[in-house]
Amino acid sequence: MKMTLHIDEDLLSRVMKVTGAETKTKAIDLALREMDRKAKLVSLASEGLGLSPDELRDAIDPNYDLNAVRKLESPVSYGRKRRTS
């Protein structure tokens, strides 16, 4: 769908740089999808996934160690790839 919008050019440039989006359209699409994703997560969190507090506690593996998982993850890099000299 084609439309005319008034968008902060500096903000759009920053979004393009951070995401690596090659076009303004891709950057706007990505930003809209991200906002939609966050809204869905907020909705799920506020509804508690339909589980009681006890059910939520039982749903998590007692041996799950978030810090250990984070140490094993590869660092995430957003935006353009760095140049090698």
Protein backbone atom coordinates (compact mmCIF):
# COMPACT_ATOMS: atom_id res chain seq x y z
CA MET A 1 0.00 0.00 0.00
CA LYS A 2 1.37 3.36 -0.92
CA MET A 3 0.89 6.32 1.45
CA THR A 4 2.38 9.66 2.33
CA LEU A 5 3.85 9.94 5.83
CA HIS A 6 5.73 12.57 7.79
CA ILE A 7 8.59 10.71 9.49
CA ASP A 8 11.50 12.08 11.49
CA GLU A 9 14.39 11.57 9.06
CA ASP A 10 17.03 11.36 11.81
CA LEU A 11 15.03 8.67 13.60
CA LEU A 12 14.52 6.74 10.38
CA SER A 13 18.25 6.96 9.61
CA ARG A 14 19.10 5.63 13.07
CA VAL A 15 16.64 2.73 12.66
CA MET A 16 18.14 1.90 9.27
CA LYS A 17 21.66 1.98 10.68
CA VAL A 18 20.86 -0.12 13.74
CA THR A 19 18.84 -2.75 11.87
CA GLY A 20 20.86 -2.82 8.67
CA ALA A 21 17.68 -2.18 6.66
CA GLU A 22 18.66 -1.25 3.13
CA THR A 23 15.55 0.77 2.34
CA LYS A 24 13.24 3.11 4.20
CA THR A 25 10.33 0.78 3.49
CA LYS A 26 12.16 -2.18 5.03
CA ALA A 27 13.11 -0.10 8.09
CA ILE A 28 9.52 1.04 8.63
CA ASP A 29 8.18 -2.49 8.12
CA LEU A 30 10.71 -3.85 10.61
CA ALA A 31 9.87 -1.16 13.18
CA LEU A 32 6.13 -1.82 12.86
CA ARG A 33 6.60 -5.58 13.20
CA GLU A 34 8.79 -5.06 16.27
CA MET A 35 6.17 -2.84 17.93
CA ASP A 36 3.49 -5.46 17.16
CA ARG A 37 5.70 -8.20 18.64
CA LYS A 38 6.31 -6.18 21.80
CA ALA A 39 2.59 -5.47 22.18
CA LYS A 40 1.85 -9.20 21.93
CA LEU A 41 4.49 -9.96 24.58
CA VAL A 42 3.04 -7.32 26.91
CA SER A 43 -0.41 -8.79 26.39
CA LEU A 44 0.82 -12.32 27.14
CA ALA A 45 2.68 -11.13 30.22
CA SER A 46 -0.28 -9.21 31.59
CA GLU A 47 -2.59 -12.20 31.06
CA GLY A 48 -0.12 -14.51 32.80
CA LEU A 49 -0.46 -17.00 29.96
CA GLY A 50 -3.68 -18.16 31.63
CA LEU A 51 -1.76 -19.96 34.38
CA SER A 52 -1.98 -19.52 38.12
CA PRO A 53 1.19 -18.46 39.99
CA ASP A 54 1.69 -22.07 41.13
CA GLU A 55 1.26 -23.36 37.57
CA LEU A 56 3.77 -20.80 36.31
CA ARG A 57 6.31 -21.90 38.92
CA ASP A 58 5.77 -25.55 37.95
CA ALA A 59 6.16 -24.71 34.25
CA ILE A 60 9.83 -23.74 34.72
CA ASP A 61 12.51 -26.39 34.98
CA PRO A 62 13.99 -26.04 38.48
CA ASN A 63 17.45 -26.68 37.00
CA TYR A 64 17.13 -23.81 34.50
CA ASP A 65 19.95 -21.33 35.00
CA LEU A 66 19.45 -18.16 32.94
CA ASN A 67 22.94 -16.86 33.65
CA ALA A 68 24.52 -20.09 32.43
CA VAL A 69 22.45 -19.94 29.23
CA ARG A 70 23.46 -16.32 28.63
CA LYS A 71 27.16 -17.21 28.97
CA LEU A 72 26.77 -19.86 26.26
CA GLU A 73 25.00 -17.54 23.80
CA SER A 74 26.86 -15.87 20.98
CA PRO A 75 26.86 -12.07 21.16
CA VAL A 76 24.19 -10.51 18.96
CA SER A 77 25.31 -7.93 16.45
CA TYR A 78 22.79 -5.50 15.00
CA GLY A 79 23.31 -3.35 11.97
CA ARG A 80 25.94 -3.51 9.34
CA LYS A 81 28.87 -5.85 9.47
CA ARG A 82 32.15 -4.29 10.53
CA ARG A 83 34.81 -3.86 7.93
CA THR A 84 37.97 -5.86 8.28
CA SER A 85 41.18 -3.97 7.64
